[in-house]
Amino acid sequence: MRRALALAAEAALVGEVPIGAVIVCEGQEVAAERNTRERDFDPCGHAELIAIRAAAQLRRDWRLSGCTLYVTLEPCAMCAGAIVLARLPRVVYAAPDPKGGFCGTLGDLSHHPGLNHHFEVVPGVLKQESAAMLRDFFRRLRTKDR
């Protein structure tokens, strides 16, 4: 999670929402990404999606069984759906997302009965650090806009 937080800090430095994601498979880091929505003008430029793509390419397999996704903010519905589709068995996130989290906050795709894959969710790892980084980022953004 510390690696994901470092990526989030890099994202903030270039004006991206500070979210970082790392995928670890069998003890090895296979992908480490940050948000790129602003840079790429891409609404799908979420750190989790980019990391999932990178890990699948590296492993040459769309199934990421045996891997864990570490992310600094609770995944949204789009990212939680990608987690299901990638067959990731475990997600560890730092801060909950009260406006978009779909791993237990607004909704929960991790154990939806209609889906063919479920995944373990471990919330709150380094929650304070991630939440503070997000608060500071949005505070600076609001101040800048005034």
C-alpha atoms as a PDB file:
ATOM      1  CA  MET A   1       0.000   0.000   0.000  1.00  0.00           C
ATOM      2  CA  ARG A   2       2.920   2.348   0.611  1.00  0.00           C
ATOM      3  CA  ARG A   3       3.914   1.906  -3.043  1.00  0.00           C
ATOM      4  CA  ALA A   4       0.332   2.768  -4.095  1.00  0.00           C
ATOM      5  CA  LEU A   5       0.443   5.885  -1.889  1.00  0.00           C
ATOM      6  CA  ALA A   6       3.709   6.968  -3.530  1.00  0.00           C
ATOM      7  CA  LEU A   7       2.055   6.610  -6.948  1.00  0.00           C
ATOM      8  CA  ALA A   8      -0.922   8.629  -5.690  1.00  0.00           C
ATOM      9  CA  ALA A   9       1.434  11.395  -4.588  1.00  0.00           C
ATOM     10  CA  GLU A  10       3.011  11.398  -8.076  1.00  0.00           C
ATOM     11  CA  ALA A  11      -0.465  11.720  -9.589  1.00  0.00           C
ATOM     12  CA  ALA A  12      -1.247  14.732  -7.403  1.00  0.00           C
ATOM     13  CA  LEU A  13       1.961  16.465  -8.499  1.00  0.00           C
ATOM     14  CA  VAL A  14       0.743  16.459 -12.117  1.00  0.00           C
ATOM     15  CA  GLY A  15      -2.841  17.465 -11.324  1.00  0.00           C
ATOM     16  CA  GLU A  16      -4.441  14.027 -11.271  1.00  0.00           C
ATOM     17  CA  VAL A  17      -6.674  12.869  -8.437  1.00  0.00           C
ATOM     18  CA  PRO A  18      -4.184  11.114  -6.131  1.00  0.00           C
ATOM     19  CA  ILE A  19      -5.001   7.464  -6.598  1.00  0.00           C
ATOM     20  CA  GLY A  20      -2.417   4.734  -7.010  1.00  0.00           C
ATOM     21  CA  ALA A  21      -2.807   1.011  -7.604  1.00  0.00           C
ATOM     22  CA  VAL A  22      -0.392  -1.898  -7.353  1.00  0.00           C
ATOM     23  CA  ILE A  23      -1.004  -5.525  -8.326  1.00  0.00           C
ATOM     24  CA  VAL A  24       1.044  -8.210  -6.627  1.00  0.00           C
ATOM     25  CA  CYS A  25       1.018 -11.785  -7.924  1.00  0.00           C
ATOM     26  CA  GLU A  26       2.678 -14.572  -5.983  1.00  0.00           C
ATOM     27  CA  GLY A  27       4.713 -12.077  -3.977  1.00  0.00           C
ATOM     28  CA  GLN A  28       5.919 -10.094  -7.015  1.00  0.00           C
ATOM     29  CA  GLU A  29       4.782  -6.629  -8.058  1.00  0.00           C
ATOM     30  CA  VAL A  30       3.512  -6.971 -11.632  1.00  0.00           C
ATOM     31  CA  ALA A  31       1.840  -3.591 -12.150  1.00  0.00           C
ATOM     32  CA  ALA A  32       1.981  -0.186 -10.495  1.00  0.00           C
ATOM     33  CA  GLU A  33      -0.088   2.646 -11.924  1.00  0.00           C
ATOM     34  CA  ARG A  34      -1.728   5.953 -11.076  1.00  0.00           C
ATOM     35  CA  ASN A  35      -4.694   7.893 -12.399  1.00  0.00           C
ATOM     36  CA  THR A  36      -4.269   9.374 -15.895  1.00  0.00           C
ATOM     37  CA  ARG A  37      -7.748  10.749 -16.601  1.00  0.00           C
ATOM     38  CA  GLU A  38      -6.644  14.369 -16.937  1.00  0.00           C
ATOM     39  CA  ARG A  39      -3.510  13.648 -18.950  1.00  0.00           C
ATOM     40  CA  ASP A  40      -5.207  11.270 -21.386  1.00  0.00           C
ATOM     41  CA  PHE A  41      -8.666  12.900 -21.411  1.00  0.00           C
ATOM     42  CA  ASP A  42      -9.931   9.425 -20.565  1.00  0.00           C
ATOM     43  CA  PRO A  43     -12.833   8.812 -18.189  1.00  0.00           C
ATOM     44  CA  CYS A  44     -11.578   5.227 -17.872  1.00  0.00           C
ATOM     45  CA  GLY A  45      -8.065   6.332 -16.837  1.00  0.00           C
ATOM     46  CA  HIS A  46      -8.465   4.963 -13.322  1.00  0.00           C
ATOM     47  CA  ALA A  47      -5.345   3.557 -11.659  1.00  0.00           C
ATOM     48  CA  GLU A  48      -7.021   0.187 -11.053  1.00  0.00           C
ATOM     49  CA  LEU A  49      -8.025  -0.310 -14.692  1.00  0.00           C
ATOM     50  CA  ILE A  50      -4.607   0.644 -15.993  1.00  0.00           C
ATOM     51  CA  ALA A  51      -2.929  -1.693 -13.485  1.00  0.00           C
ATOM     52  CA  ILE A  52      -5.272  -4.567 -14.379  1.00  0.00           C
ATOM     53  CA  ARG A  53      -4.475  -4.135 -18.077  1.00  0.00           C
ATOM     54  CA  ALA A  54      -0.737  -3.966 -17.419  1.00  0.00           C
ATOM     55  CA  ALA A  55      -0.760  -7.050 -15.178  1.00  0.00           C
ATOM     56  CA  ALA A  56      -2.792  -9.059 -17.693  1.00  0.00           C
ATOM     57  CA  GLN A  57      -0.404  -8.092 -20.502  1.00  0.00           C
ATOM     58  CA  LEU A  58       2.657  -8.983 -18.441  1.00  0.00           C
ATOM     59  CA  ARG A  59       1.195 -12.323 -17.369  1.00  0.00           C
ATOM     60  CA  ARG A  60      -0.238 -12.933 -20.835  1.00  0.00           C
ATOM     61  CA  ASP A  61      -3.506 -13.957 -19.195  1.00  0.00           C
ATOM     62  CA  TRP A  62      -6.652 -11.930 -18.555  1.00  0.00           C
ATOM     63  CA  ARG A  63      -7.308 -14.012 -15.439  1.00  0.00           C
ATOM     64  CA  LEU A  64      -5.451 -12.506 -12.520  1.00  0.00           C
ATOM     65  CA  SER A  65      -6.136 -15.325 -10.085  1.00  0.00           C
ATOM     66  CA  GLY A  66      -3.510 -15.508  -7.367  1.00  0.00           C
ATOM     67  CA  CYS A  67      -3.075 -11.718  -7.393  1.00  0.00           C
ATOM     68  CA  THR A  68      -3.965  -8.909  -5.007  1.00  0.00           C
ATOM     69  CA  LEU A  69      -4.861  -5.356  -5.981  1.00  0.00           C
ATOM     70  CA  TYR A  70      -3.759  -2.635  -3.559  1.00  0.00           C
ATOM     71  CA  VAL A  71      -5.411   0.731  -4.188  1.00  0.00           C
ATOM     72  CA  THR A  72      -5.531   3.987  -2.254  1.00  0.00           C
ATOM     73  CA  LEU A  73      -9.266   4.589  -2.706  1.00  0.00           C
ATOM     74  CA  GLU A  74     -12.177   2.163  -2.696  1.00  0.00           C
ATOM     75  CA  PRO A  75     -12.851   1.073  -6.294  1.00  0.00           C
ATOM     76  CA  CYS A  76     -15.823   2.549  -8.155  1.00  0.00           C
ATOM     77  CA  ALA A  77     -18.451   0.450  -9.936  1.00  0.00           C
ATOM     78  CA  MET A  78     -16.430   0.425 -13.183  1.00  0.00           C
ATOM     79  CA  CYS A  79     -13.250  -0.713 -11.450  1.00  0.00           C
ATOM     80  CA  ALA A  80     -15.072  -3.236  -9.248  1.00  0.00           C
ATOM     81  CA  GLY A  81     -16.604  -4.662 -12.431  1.00  0.00           C
ATOM     82  CA  ALA A  82     -13.149  -4.954 -13.990  1.00  0.00           C
ATOM     83  CA  ILE A  83     -11.929  -6.702 -10.825  1.00  0.00           C
ATOM     84  CA  VAL A  84     -14.723  -9.257 -11.232  1.00  0.00           C
ATOM     85  CA  LEU A  85     -13.940  -9.729 -14.930  1.00  0.00           C
ATOM     86  CA  ALA A  86     -10.202 -10.128 -14.240  1.00  0.00           C
ATOM     87  CA  ARG A  87     -10.970 -12.743 -11.570  1.00  0.00           C
ATOM     88  CA  LEU A  88      -8.868 -10.940  -8.977  1.00  0.00           C
ATOM     89  CA  PRO A  89      -9.397 -12.773  -5.691  1.00  0.00           C
ATOM     90  CA  ARG A  90      -8.454  -9.961  -3.301  1.00  0.00           C
ATOM     91  CA  VAL A  91      -8.608  -6.165  -3.103  1.00  0.00           C
ATOM     92  CA  VAL A  92      -6.977  -4.126  -0.357  1.00  0.00           C
ATOM     93  CA  TYR A  93      -7.925  -0.459  -0.268  1.00  0.00           C
ATOM     94  CA  ALA A  94      -7.024   2.466   1.950  1.00  0.00           C
ATOM     95  CA  ALA A  95      -9.821   5.051   2.090  1.00  0.00           C
ATOM     96  CA  PRO A  96     -13.528   4.424   1.534  1.00  0.00           C
ATOM     97  CA  ASP A  97     -15.211   6.435  -1.222  1.00  0.00           C
ATOM     98  CA  PRO A  98     -18.532   7.799   0.039  1.00  0.00           C
ATOM     99  CA  LYS A  99     -19.368   9.221  -3.395  1.00  0.00           C
ATOM    100  CA  GLY A 100     -18.475   6.280  -5.610  1.00  0.00           C
ATOM    101  CA  GLY A 101     -17.207   3.227  -3.722  1.00  0.00           C
ATOM    102  CA  PHE A 102     -18.572  -0.118  -4.872  1.00  0.00           C
ATOM    103  CA  CYS A 103     -16.747  -2.477  -2.550  1.00  0.00           C
ATOM    104  CA  GLY A 104     -19.134  -1.897   0.326  1.00  0.00           C
ATOM    105  CA  THR A 105     -19.843   1.828   0.631  1.00  0.00           C
ATOM    106  CA  LEU A 106     -22.435   2.801  -2.016  1.00  0.00           C
ATOM    107  CA  GLY A 107     -22.835  -0.709  -3.313  1.00  0.00           C
ATOM    108  CA  ASP A 108     -20.933  -3.965  -3.260  1.00  0.00           C
ATOM    109  CA  LEU A 109     -19.899  -5.828  -6.376  1.00  0.00           C
ATOM    110  CA  SER A 110     -17.414  -7.958  -4.440  1.00  0.00           C
ATOM    111  CA  HIS A 111     -20.075 -10.459  -3.380  1.00  0.00           C
ATOM    112  CA  HIS A 112     -23.015  -9.693  -5.639  1.00  0.00           C
ATOM    113  CA  PRO A 113     -25.109 -12.881  -5.869  1.00  0.00           C
ATOM    114  CA  GLY A 114     -25.714 -12.469  -9.601  1.00  0.00           C
ATOM    115  CA  LEU A 115     -22.029 -12.393 -10.537  1.00  0.00           C
ATOM    116  CA  ASN A 116     -19.903 -15.434 -11.311  1.00  0.00           C
ATOM    117  CA  HIS A 117     -16.868 -14.231  -9.340  1.00  0.00           C
ATOM    118  CA  HIS A 118     -16.518 -12.868  -5.834  1.00  0.00           C
ATOM    119  CA  PHE A 119     -13.492 -11.280  -4.237  1.00  0.00           C
ATOM    120  CA  GLU A 120     -12.237 -10.595  -0.738  1.00  0.00           C
ATOM    121  CA  VAL A 121     -12.129  -6.941   0.328  1.00  0.00           C
ATOM    122  CA  VAL A 122      -9.751  -5.640   2.980  1.00  0.00           C
ATOM    123  CA  PRO A 123     -10.601  -1.985   3.716  1.00  0.00           C
ATOM    124  CA  GLY A 124      -8.799   0.671   5.698  1.00  0.00           C
ATOM    125  CA  VAL A 125      -5.112  -0.163   5.194  1.00  0.00           C
ATOM    126  CA  LEU A 126      -3.271   3.175   5.617  1.00  0.00           C
ATOM    127  CA  LYS A 127      -6.673   4.844   5.497  1.00  0.00           C
ATOM    128  CA  GLN A 128      -5.598   8.044   7.288  1.00  0.00           C
ATOM    129  CA  GLU A 129      -2.670   8.706   4.955  1.00  0.00           C
ATOM    130  CA  SER A 130      -4.741   8.200   1.824  1.00  0.00           C
ATOM    131  CA  ALA A 131      -7.712  10.207   3.079  1.00  0.00           C
ATOM    132  CA  ALA A 132      -5.420  13.098   4.078  1.00  0.00           C
ATOM    133  CA  MET A 133      -3.792  13.117   0.636  1.00  0.00           C
ATOM    134  CA  LEU A 134      -7.201  13.225  -1.067  1.00  0.00           C
ATOM    135  CA  ARG A 135      -8.517  15.965   1.264  1.00  0.00           C
ATOM    136  CA  ASP A 136      -5.410  18.085   0.704  1.00  0.00           C
ATOM    137  CA  PHE A 137      -5.617  17.645  -3.062  1.00  0.00           C
ATOM    138  CA  PHE A 138      -9.247  18.741  -3.269  1.00  0.00           C
ATOM    139  CA  ARG A 139      -8.695  21.579  -0.784  1.00  0.00           C
ATOM    140  CA  ARG A 140      -5.881  22.945  -2.970  1.00  0.00           C
ATOM    141  CA  LEU A 141      -8.054  22.529  -6.056  1.00  0.00           C
ATOM    142  CA  ARG A 142     -10.936  24.476  -4.483  1.00  0.00           C
ATOM    143  CA  THR A 143      -8.566  27.224  -3.293  1.00  0.00           C
ATOM    144  CA  LYS A 144      -6.983  27.486  -6.733  1.00  0.00           C
ATOM    145  CA  ASP A 145     -10.404  27.848  -8.404  1.00  0.00           C
ATOM    146  CA  ARG A 146     -11.344  30.865  -6.231  1.00  0.00           C
END
